[in-house]
Protein backbone atom coordinates (compact mmCIF):
# COMPACT_ATOMS: atom_id res chain seq x y z
CA UNK A 1 0.03 -0.02 0.03
CA UNK A 2 2.76 2.38 0.90
CA UNK A 3 4.59 1.59 -2.38
CA UNK A 4 1.44 2.44 -4.38
CA UNK A 5 1.16 5.77 -2.49
CA UNK A 6 4.81 6.46 -3.13
CA UNK A 7 4.39 5.89 -6.85
CA UNK A 8 1.36 8.22 -6.95
CA UNK A 9 3.29 10.94 -5.13
CA UNK A 10 6.19 10.51 -7.54
CA UNK A 11 3.90 10.70 -10.58
CA UNK A 12 2.23 13.79 -9.19
CA UNK A 13 5.54 15.52 -8.67
CA UNK A 14 6.92 14.68 -12.07
CA UNK A 15 3.60 15.75 -13.72
CA UNK A 16 3.77 19.06 -11.82
CA UNK A 17 7.34 19.68 -12.94
CA UNK A 18 6.42 18.95 -16.56
CA UNK A 19 3.41 21.25 -16.58
CA UNK A 20 5.35 24.05 -14.87
CA UNK A 21 8.26 23.69 -17.44
CA UNK A 22 6.14 23.66 -20.63
CA UNK A 23 7.44 27.07 -21.69
CA UNK A 24 11.00 25.81 -21.99
CA UNK A 25 10.04 23.58 -24.95
CA UNK A 26 8.33 26.39 -26.94
CA UNK A 27 10.22 27.34 -30.10
CA UNK A 28 11.12 30.95 -30.83
CA UNK A 29 8.79 32.72 -33.26
CA UNK A 30 10.41 35.12 -35.59
CA UNK A 31 9.14 38.59 -36.07
CA UNK A 32 7.39 39.12 -39.37
CA UNK A 33 6.18 42.76 -38.94
CA UNK A 34 7.85 46.09 -39.30
CA UNK A 35 6.87 49.62 -38.13
CA UNK A 36 4.46 51.63 -40.22
CA UNK A 37 6.10 54.04 -42.70
CA UNK A 38 9.41 52.28 -42.12
CA UNK A 39 10.88 53.78 -45.31
CA UNK A 40 9.33 57.19 -44.71
CA UNK A 41 6.52 59.00 -46.39
CA UNK A 42 8.28 61.52 -48.54
CA UNK A 43 7.61 62.13 -52.22
CA UNK A 44 10.87 60.36 -53.10
CA UNK A 45 9.66 57.14 -51.50
CA UNK A 46 6.27 57.44 -53.10
CA UNK A 47 7.78 57.84 -56.55
CA UNK A 48 9.91 54.75 -56.17
CA UNK A 49 8.60 51.65 -57.95
CA UNK A 50 7.67 49.02 -55.34
CA UNK A 51 7.03 46.21 -57.80
CA UNK A 52 10.59 45.34 -58.58
CA UNK A 53 12.90 45.19 -55.52
CA UNK A 54 16.55 45.96 -56.37
CA UNK A 55 17.59 43.42 -53.72
CA UNK A 56 16.32 40.64 -55.84
CA UNK A 57 18.95 41.29 -58.46
CA UNK A 58 22.24 39.36 -58.10
CA UNK A 59 25.35 41.49 -57.92
CA UNK A 60 26.58 40.07 -61.23
CA UNK A 61 23.37 41.45 -62.92
CA UNK A 62 23.63 44.74 -60.97
CA UNK A 63 27.35 45.25 -61.76
CA UNK A 64 27.76 44.45 -65.47
CA UNK A 65 31.28 45.86 -65.87
CA UNK A 66 33.41 42.87 -66.53
CA UNK A 67 36.51 44.41 -64.94
CA UNK A 68 34.57 45.08 -61.73
CA UNK A 69 33.05 41.57 -61.76
CA UNK A 70 36.59 40.19 -61.88
CA UNK A 71 37.70 42.32 -59.10
CA UNK A 72 34.71 41.29 -56.90
CA UNK A 73 35.26 37.68 -57.66
CA UNK A 74 38.90 37.85 -56.58
CA UNK A 75 38.01 39.80 -53.38
CA UNK A 76 35.39 37.28 -52.39
CA UNK A 77 37.88 34.47 -52.78
CA UNK A 78 40.99 36.06 -51.18
CA UNK A 79 39.94 38.86 -48.84
CA UNK A 80 41.07 37.93 -45.22
CA UNK A 81 37.78 39.26 -43.70
CA UNK A 82 35.75 36.99 -45.93
CA UNK A 83 37.92 33.98 -45.21
CA UNK A 84 37.66 34.61 -41.43
CA UNK A 85 33.88 34.82 -41.60
CA UNK A 86 33.81 31.54 -43.45
CA UNK A 87 35.94 29.96 -40.73
CA UNK A 88 33.55 31.21 -38.13
CA UNK A 89 30.67 29.46 -39.97
CA UNK A 90 32.66 26.18 -39.95
CA UNK A 91 33.31 26.60 -36.18
CA UNK A 92 29.58 27.05 -35.49
CA UNK A 93 28.65 24.07 -37.75
CA UNK A 94 31.05 21.87 -35.79
CA UNK A 95 29.48 23.18 -32.50
CA UNK A 96 25.99 22.46 -33.94
CA UNK A 97 27.02 18.93 -34.79
CA UNK A 98 28.38 18.41 -31.33
CA UNK A 99 25.09 19.64 -29.78
CA UNK A 100 23.14 17.10 -31.85
CA UNK A 101 25.47 14.30 -30.72
CA UNK A 102 24.83 15.24 -27.06
CA UNK A 103 21.63 13.13 -27.25
CA UNK A 104 23.73 9.96 -27.73
CA UNK A 105 25.25 8.26 -24.67
CA UNK A 106 28.93 8.91 -24.10
CA UNK A 107 31.16 5.85 -23.93
CA UNK A 108 34.44 5.47 -22.11
CA UNK A 109 36.91 2.63 -22.07
CA UNK A 110 38.36 2.39 -18.56
CA UNK A 111 40.71 -0.51 -18.10
CA UNK A 112 42.62 -0.89 -14.77
CA UNK A 113 45.20 -3.27 -13.51
CA UNK A 114 47.56 -4.08 -10.66
CA UNK A 115 50.72 -6.08 -10.20
CA UNK A 116 52.05 -7.15 -6.85
CA UNK A 117 55.40 -8.84 -6.08
CA UNK A 118 56.44 -10.59 -2.82
CA UNK A 119 60.09 -11.51 -2.66
CA UNK A 120 59.43 -13.88 0.37
CA UNK A 121 62.54 -12.52 2.23
CA UNK A 122 60.86 -12.13 5.66
CA UNK A 123 58.38 -14.96 5.49
CA UNK A 124 60.86 -17.48 4.11
CA UNK A 125 58.39 -18.26 1.37
CA UNK A 126 59.40 -18.43 -2.40
CA UNK A 127 59.07 -15.22 -4.24
CA UNK A 128 55.75 -14.68 -5.99
CA UNK A 129 53.82 -12.19 -8.07
CA UNK A 130 50.18 -11.50 -8.92
CA UNK A 131 48.67 -9.69 -11.86
CA UNK A 132 44.97 -8.56 -11.72
CA UNK A 133 43.09 -6.27 -14.07
CA UNK A 134 39.54 -5.08 -14.93
CA UNK A 135 38.36 -4.36 -18.52
CA UNK A 136 35.24 -2.22 -18.47
CA UNK A 137 33.22 0.01 -20.74
CA UNK A 138 31.49 2.97 -19.04
CA UNK A 139 28.39 4.71 -20.53
CA UNK A 140 26.73 7.91 -19.41
CA UNK A 141 23.46 9.17 -20.83
CA UNK A 142 21.74 12.44 -19.95
CA UNK A 143 17.92 12.17 -20.32
CA UNK A 144 16.70 15.44 -21.76
CA UNK A 145 13.26 15.66 -20.02
CA UNK A 146 13.48 19.36 -19.17
CA UNK A 147 15.01 20.58 -22.34
CA UNK A 148 18.64 21.33 -21.44
CA UNK A 149 20.05 19.60 -24.51
CA UNK A 150 17.18 20.71 -26.78
CA UNK A 151 17.58 24.44 -26.00
CA UNK A 152 21.32 24.21 -26.25
CA UNK A 153 20.92 22.68 -29.68
CA UNK A 154 18.38 25.29 -30.73
CA UNK A 155 20.66 28.11 -29.52
CA UNK A 156 23.59 26.71 -31.31
CA UNK A 157 21.53 26.37 -34.48
CA UNK A 158 20.51 30.05 -34.19
CA UNK A 159 24.12 31.09 -33.72
CA UNK A 160 25.12 29.00 -36.75
CA UNK A 161 22.56 30.78 -38.95
CA UNK A 162 23.80 34.04 -37.53
CA UNK A 163 27.34 33.19 -38.50
CA UNK A 164 26.13 32.50 -42.02
CA UNK A 165 24.26 35.95 -42.00
CA UNK A 166 27.48 37.66 -40.77
CA UNK A 167 29.42 35.90 -43.55
CA UNK A 168 26.97 37.20 -46.12
CA UNK A 169 27.14 40.71 -44.49
CA UNK A 170 30.88 40.65 -44.84
CA UNK A 171 30.51 39.66 -48.49
CA UNK A 172 28.10 42.48 -49.02
CA UNK A 173 30.53 44.91 -47.47
CA UNK A 174 33.31 43.80 -49.64
CA UNK A 175 31.20 44.02 -52.76
CA UNK A 176 30.02 47.55 -51.90
CA UNK A 177 33.53 48.71 -50.98
CA UNK A 178 35.03 47.31 -54.10
CA UNK A 179 32.31 48.88 -56.32
CA UNK A 180 32.71 52.30 -54.68
CA UNK A 181 36.47 52.23 -55.06
CA UNK A 182 36.22 51.14 -58.67
CA UNK A 183 33.78 53.75 -59.63
CA UNK A 184 35.85 56.38 -57.72
CA UNK A 185 38.79 55.37 -59.95
CA UNK A 186 36.65 55.77 -63.11
CA UNK A 187 35.46 59.20 -61.90
CA UNK A 188 39.08 60.41 -61.23
CA UNK A 189 40.12 58.98 -64.69
CA UNK A 190 37.41 61.11 -66.29
CA UNK A 191 38.44 64.16 -64.28
CA UNK A 192 42.06 63.59 -65.35
CA UNK A 193 41.07 63.46 -68.99
CA UNK A 194 39.12 66.79 -68.46
CA UNK A 195 42.15 68.41 -66.82
CA UNK A 196 44.44 67.19 -69.68
CA UNK A 197 42.21 68.76 -72.29
CA UNK A 198 41.73 71.87 -70.19
CA UNK A 199 45.51 72.15 -69.80
CA UNK A 200 45.92 72.10 -73.62
CA UNK A 201 43.17 74.72 -74.05
CA UNK A 202 44.62 77.05 -71.40
CA UNK A 203 48.10 76.57 -72.90
CA UNK A 204 46.71 77.84 -76.17
CA UNK A 205 45.01 80.78 -74.38
CA UNK A 206 48.45 81.72 -72.85
CA UNK A 207 50.05 81.60 -76.28
CA UNK A 208 47.33 83.76 -77.68
CA UNK A 209 47.66 86.27 -74.89
CA UNK A 210 51.42 86.45 -75.45
CA UNK A 211 50.82 87.09 -79.11
CA UNK A 212 48.38 89.96 -78.25
CA UNK A 213 50.90 91.42 -75.89
CA UNK A 214 53.57 91.39 -78.63
CA UNK A 215 51.03 93.20 -80.84
CA UNK A 216 50.42 95.78 -78.05
CA UNK A 217 46.88 94.56 -77.39
CA UNK A 218 47.61 93.06 -74.02
CA UNK A 219 50.00 93.27 -71.13
CA UNK A 220 52.23 91.14 -68.97
CA UNK A 221 49.89 90.93 -65.90
CA UNK A 222 47.33 89.36 -68.23
CA UNK A 223 49.76 86.78 -69.43
CA UNK A 224 50.90 86.13 -65.92
CA UNK A 225 47.36 85.52 -64.61
CA UNK A 226 46.64 83.05 -67.41
CA UNK A 227 49.93 81.24 -66.80
CA UNK A 228 49.19 81.03 -63.06
CA UNK A 229 45.82 79.52 -63.81
CA UNK A 230 47.51 76.96 -66.18
CA UNK A 231 49.93 75.98 -63.38
CA UNK A 232 46.99 75.48 -61.10
CA UNK A 233 45.46 73.02 -63.48
CA UNK A 234 48.69 71.22 -63.73
CA UNK A 235 48.92 70.95 -59.96
CA UNK A 236 45.37 69.57 -59.87
CA UNK A 237 46.31 66.90 -62.40
CA UNK A 238 49.33 65.83 -60.29
CA UNK A 239 47.21 65.60 -57.15
CA UNK A 240 44.64 63.59 -59.05
CA UNK A 241 47.33 61.17 -60.26
CA UNK A 242 48.51 60.72 -56.63
CA UNK A 243 44.94 59.99 -55.51
CA UNK A 244 44.44 57.46 -58.34
CA UNK A 245 47.47 55.60 -57.13
CA UNK A 246 46.09 55.60 -53.53
CA UNK A 247 42.74 54.20 -54.62
CA UNK A 248 44.42 51.48 -56.70
CA UNK A 249 46.34 50.51 -53.60
CA UNK A 250 43.06 50.46 -51.58
CA UNK A 251 41.58 47.97 -54.16
CA UNK A 252 44.68 45.85 -53.85
CA UNK A 253 44.12 45.75 -50.08
CA UNK A 254 40.64 44.36 -50.57
CA UNK A 255 42.12 41.81 -52.98
CA UNK A 256 44.77 40.84 -50.35
CA UNK A 257 47.43 41.58 -53.03
CA UNK A 258 50.46 43.74 -53.21
CA UNK A 259 50.15 47.18 -54.92
CA UNK A 260 49.74 47.02 -58.64
CA UNK A 261 47.83 48.86 -61.41
CA UNK A 262 44.13 48.10 -61.67
CA UNK A 263 42.61 47.30 -65.17
CA UNK A 264 39.32 49.20 -65.59
CA UNK A 265 36.82 50.59 -67.99
CA UNK A 266 35.45 54.17 -68.52
CA UNK A 267 32.87 56.14 -66.61
CA UNK A 268 30.87 56.89 -69.72
CA UNK A 269 30.48 53.15 -70.35
CA UNK A 270 28.89 52.38 -66.99
CA UNK A 271 25.47 50.81 -67.20
CA UNK A 272 23.28 50.64 -64.10
CA UNK A 273 19.66 49.65 -63.54
CA UNK A 274 17.36 52.60 -64.40
CA UNK A 275 14.23 51.52 -62.60
CA UNK A 276 14.42 52.06 -58.89
CA UNK A 277 12.45 49.54 -56.88
CA UNK A 278 12.33 49.38 -53.15
CA UNK A 279 9.96 46.48 -52.70
CA UNK A 280 7.91 46.13 -49.49
CA UNK A 281 9.38 47.15 -46.10
CA UNK A 282 8.96 43.65 -44.67
CA UNK A 283 11.38 42.34 -47.21
CA UNK A 284 14.23 43.95 -45.28
CA UNK A 285 13.74 41.29 -42.55
CA UNK A 286 14.63 38.61 -45.06
CA UNK A 287 16.98 40.41 -47.47
CA UNK A 288 19.27 42.26 -45.18
CA UNK A 289 21.96 40.05 -43.49
CA UNK A 290 22.55 42.39 -40.63
CA UNK A 291 18.85 42.48 -39.69
CA UNK A 292 18.63 38.67 -39.95
CA UNK A 293 21.72 38.47 -37.72
CA UNK A 294 20.07 40.74 -35.15
CA UNK A 295 16.98 38.61 -35.09
CA UNK A 296 19.12 35.40 -34.80
CA UNK A 297 20.74 37.08 -31.75
CA UNK A 298 17.29 37.45 -30.15
CA UNK A 299 16.51 33.79 -30.89
CA UNK A 300 19.81 32.72 -29.35
CA UNK A 301 19.08 34.77 -26.31
CA UNK A 302 15.63 33.31 -26.05
CA UNK A 303 16.98 29.82 -25.93
CA UNK A 304 19.64 30.86 -23.44
CA UNK A 305 16.80 31.99 -21.16
CA UNK A 306 15.13 28.61 -21.64
CA UNK A 307 18.31 26.92 -20.65
CA UNK A 308 18.46 29.03 -17.53
CA UNK A 309 14.91 27.85 -16.69
CA UNK A 310 16.04 24.28 -17.31
CA UNK A 311 18.78 24.53 -14.76
CA UNK A 312 16.17 24.93 -12.08
CA UNK A 313 14.65 21.44 -12.83
CA UNK A 314 16.04 17.99 -12.13
CA UNK A 315 18.87 16.61 -14.14
CA UNK A 316 18.51 12.85 -14.82
CA UNK A 317 21.45 10.83 -15.89
CA UNK A 318 21.92 7.07 -16.45
CA UNK A 319 25.36 5.59 -15.83
CA UNK A 320 26.44 2.03 -16.43
CA UNK A 321 29.62 -0.07 -16.43
CA UNK A 322 30.02 -3.30 -18.42
CA UNK A 323 33.11 -5.51 -18.39
CA UNK A 324 34.89 -8.39 -16.76
CA UNK A 325 37.90 -8.89 -14.40
CA UNK A 326 40.92 -11.12 -13.95
CA UNK A 327 41.93 -11.85 -10.42
CA UNK A 328 45.32 -13.28 -11.11
CA UNK A 329 44.12 -16.83 -11.26
CA UNK A 330 41.29 -17.22 -13.75
CA UNK A 331 39.60 -15.16 -16.48
CA UNK A 332 35.94 -15.96 -16.44
CA UNK A 333 33.89 -13.97 -19.03
CA UNK A 334 30.71 -15.19 -17.40
CA UNK A 335 31.43 -13.23 -14.29
CA UNK A 336 30.99 -9.85 -15.92
CA UNK A 337 30.81 -6.71 -13.97
CA UNK A 338 27.54 -4.97 -14.58
CA UNK A 339 26.64 -1.73 -12.77
CA UNK A 340 23.66 0.55 -13.71
CA UNK A 341 22.89 3.72 -11.83
CA UNK A 342 20.14 6.26 -12.38
CA UNK A 343 20.89 9.63 -10.91
CA UNK A 344 18.51 12.45 -10.39
CA UNK A 345 19.83 15.81 -9.24
CA UNK A 346 17.35 18.41 -8.27
CA UNK A 347 19.01 21.84 -7.28
CA UNK A 348 17.48 23.17 -4.08
CA UNK A 349 19.77 25.98 -3.02
CA UNK A 350 22.67 27.32 -5.04
CA UNK A 351 23.37 30.65 -3.28
CA UNK A 352 20.82 32.33 -5.58
CA UNK A 353 23.05 31.77 -8.64
CA UNK A 354 20.39 30.00 -10.62
CA UNK A 355 17.80 32.74 -10.23
CA UNK A 356 20.50 35.35 -10.84
CA UNK A 357 21.52 33.56 -14.01
CA UNK A 358 17.86 33.52 -15.15
CA UNK A 359 17.47 37.23 -14.48
CA UNK A 360 20.66 37.95 -16.36
CA UNK A 361 19.53 35.97 -19.41
CA UNK A 362 16.17 37.58 -19.44
CA UNK A 363 17.91 41.01 -19.48
CA UNK A 364 20.22 39.92 -22.29
CA UNK A 365 17.11 38.70 -24.27
CA UNK A 366 15.50 42.09 -23.90
CA UNK A 367 18.78 43.83 -24.91
CA UNK A 368 18.92 41.68 -28.03
CA UNK A 369 15.28 42.42 -28.80
CA UNK A 370 15.85 46.24 -28.59
CA UNK A 371 18.99 45.90 -30.78
CA UNK A 372 16.96 44.03 -33.37
CA UNK A 373 14.20 46.78 -33.28
CA UNK A 374 16.92 49.38 -33.75
CA UNK A 375 18.38 47.46 -36.67
CA UNK A 376 15.08 47.54 -38.46
CA UNK A 377 14.73 51.31 -37.84
CA UNK A 378 18.32 51.89 -39.04
CA UNK A 379 17.61 49.87 -42.18
CA UNK A 380 14.53 52.11 -43.00
CA UNK A 381 16.58 55.23 -42.55
CA UNK A 382 19.38 53.87 -44.79
CA UNK A 383 16.88 53.04 -47.53
CA UNK A 384 15.27 56.47 -47.30
CA UNK A 385 18.57 58.35 -47.40
CA UNK A 386 19.87 56.30 -50.36
CA UNK A 387 16.59 56.67 -52.27
CA UNK A 388 16.66 60.44 -51.59
CA UNK A 389 20.27 60.68 -52.89
CA UNK A 390 19.33 58.72 -56.00
CA UNK A 391 16.41 61.01 -56.90
CA UNK A 392 18.41 64.17 -56.09
CA UNK A 393 21.38 63.03 -58.31
CA UNK A 394 19.13 62.21 -61.18
CA UNK A 395 17.44 65.70 -60.89
CA UNK A 396 20.75 67.49 -60.70
CA UNK A 397 22.13 65.59 -63.73
CA UNK A 398 19.62 67.24 -66.06
CA UNK A 399 20.51 70.70 -64.87
CA UNK A 400 24.24 70.04 -64.86
CA UNK A 401 24.07 68.92 -68.50
CA UNK A 402 22.46 72.16 -69.41
CA UNK A 403 24.99 74.18 -67.36
CA UNK A 404 27.95 72.53 -69.09
CA UNK A 405 26.41 73.12 -72.51
CA UNK A 406 25.83 76.80 -71.76
CA UNK A 407 29.27 77.45 -70.32
CA UNK A 408 30.88 75.64 -73.18
CA UNK A 409 29.27 78.00 -75.67
CA UNK A 410 30.23 80.90 -73.41
CA UNK A 411 33.84 79.72 -73.29
CA UNK A 412 34.04 79.47 -77.13
CA UNK A 413 32.45 82.80 -77.67
CA UNK A 414 34.72 84.49 -75.15
CA UNK A 415 37.78 83.04 -76.84
CA UNK A 416 36.63 84.34 -80.25
CA UNK A 417 36.02 87.78 -78.75
CA UNK A 418 39.48 87.74 -77.16
CA UNK A 419 41.06 86.80 -80.48
CA UNK A 420 39.33 89.80 -82.11
CA UNK A 421 40.51 92.01 -79.25
CA UNK A 422 36.93 92.77 -78.14
CA UNK A 423 37.28 91.44 -74.61
CA UNK A 424 39.77 91.22 -71.75
CA UNK A 425 41.69 88.31 -70.43
CA UNK A 426 39.72 88.41 -67.22
CA UNK A 427 36.54 87.43 -69.11
CA UNK A 428 38.33 84.63 -70.76
CA UNK A 429 39.84 83.44 -67.43
CA UNK A 430 36.42 83.52 -65.82
CA UNK A 431 34.82 81.61 -68.67
CA UNK A 432 37.61 78.98 -68.52
CA UNK A 433 37.33 78.47 -64.79
CA UNK A 434 33.49 78.28 -64.85
CA UNK A 435 33.56 75.76 -67.71
CA UNK A 436 36.13 73.53 -65.96
CA UNK A 437 34.23 73.71 -62.63
CA UNK A 438 30.92 72.73 -64.43
CA UNK A 439 32.54 69.81 -66.05
CA UNK A 440 34.06 68.46 -62.82
CA UNK A 441 30.69 68.92 -61.06
CA UNK A 442 28.98 66.95 -63.73
CA UNK A 443 31.44 64.09 -63.45
CA UNK A 444 31.11 64.17 -59.56
CA UNK A 445 27.31 63.95 -59.89
CA UNK A 446 27.62 61.05 -62.24
CA UNK A 447 29.68 59.30 -59.61
CA UNK A 448 27.18 60.37 -56.90
CA UNK A 449 24.37 58.83 -59.03
CA UNK A 450 26.21 55.49 -59.20
CA UNK A 451 27.22 55.41 -55.49
CA UNK A 452 23.74 56.40 -54.34
CA UNK A 453 22.30 53.57 -56.42
CA UNK A 454 24.79 51.11 -54.91
CA UNK A 455 23.91 52.39 -51.40
CA UNK A 456 20.21 51.78 -52.17
CA UNK A 457 21.06 48.35 -53.56
CA UNK A 458 22.94 47.40 -50.35
CA UNK A 459 20.40 49.12 -48.07
CA UNK A 460 17.62 46.93 -49.50
CA UNK A 461 19.69 43.79 -48.84
CA UNK A 462 21.20 43.14 -52.24
CA UNK A 463 24.68 42.17 -53.02
CA UNK A 464 24.84 38.85 -51.18
CA UNK A 465 23.45 36.62 -53.99
């Protein structure tokens, strides 16, 4: 009767523990919603096409320049940051495999032996020796009733996915950096070409002004001012050549190579997608690796909290030993040593460490959640800023084209007037400087159009495909 009552009490206790620990088995549910107006409500956002998301375009289709594609390929294969992130993934995959194997009993081979020798000196007996040994196999199996192993495995799986997301984020960063450096080189090449042409034109203006001075139609201050402006253009060209070399070296760093010239195309041959599509805001949760990584961090923190709960419940372990022994006389396999032990450890008092650990993990989970929310907001701001820059650069491009055309006509007309002696060198100098400035501004805006589109592409989560 007492045995039956004890069984009922035991069943009642176990059932109570199971019911009170149901929450530690619940899987983490990922967030699938974003704040309203995440991308903003400006006219720029409204004008953007939402049917075609730029993030759905692979980087090879987005960057069609074959020189750039080759550079990106090399960087993704050789860049040290990319290689390190790949090793991190391998580390987490190994940890995940180990957490899955934790369900299997652990086996240990524990042989032991002894040898004794009696020389018989004091007893007068003949010398003798005795050899004895045990050969045993020990097994230990933790029964995962309260989810310790399950939550550990789920946490490791979340961290493994996070490592993959971080690897993709590193690849996206390398792609964006390489593209920006490459197009910066193309812009500087274009500026250098403009300066070379300008240098020849201004050299011709100096020669014309000298001829006018010899004819008595000009003076030395006019020639000196034009020559000074010519030297300024030459200095600009030298500075630009120095910057070009620095950007080539920066690209070599991304490639993990020693400095060398970079083969490249021309800015006027660049072809980029014309239709700007931002997709739906919720797509940022799936497309952006940094946002996915932040959510994986919340998931890992959730399972860490579940593990902290599990630590407050019993730990049940089965242990067993199987083997045989030799006593120095006979070896009898039928006399096998068999020992099976079931151990249940229920923590009662641990100086408050278990509750403190639970409280700490809850706080870390909330920190991770807030960081995830902030990552979503940051993503929305980045998309809005990049989209605004794209629209602004496109609008400026139309005006800059008109400005360059007008100043080009003004420069030609002023030169003709100077050749006829109907204007001063100051007007020629002013027209030259205005025309050069407008040309350089147009090139800079072309570069800004490209980089803003790259920023939008990356902000939407593209580049990792």
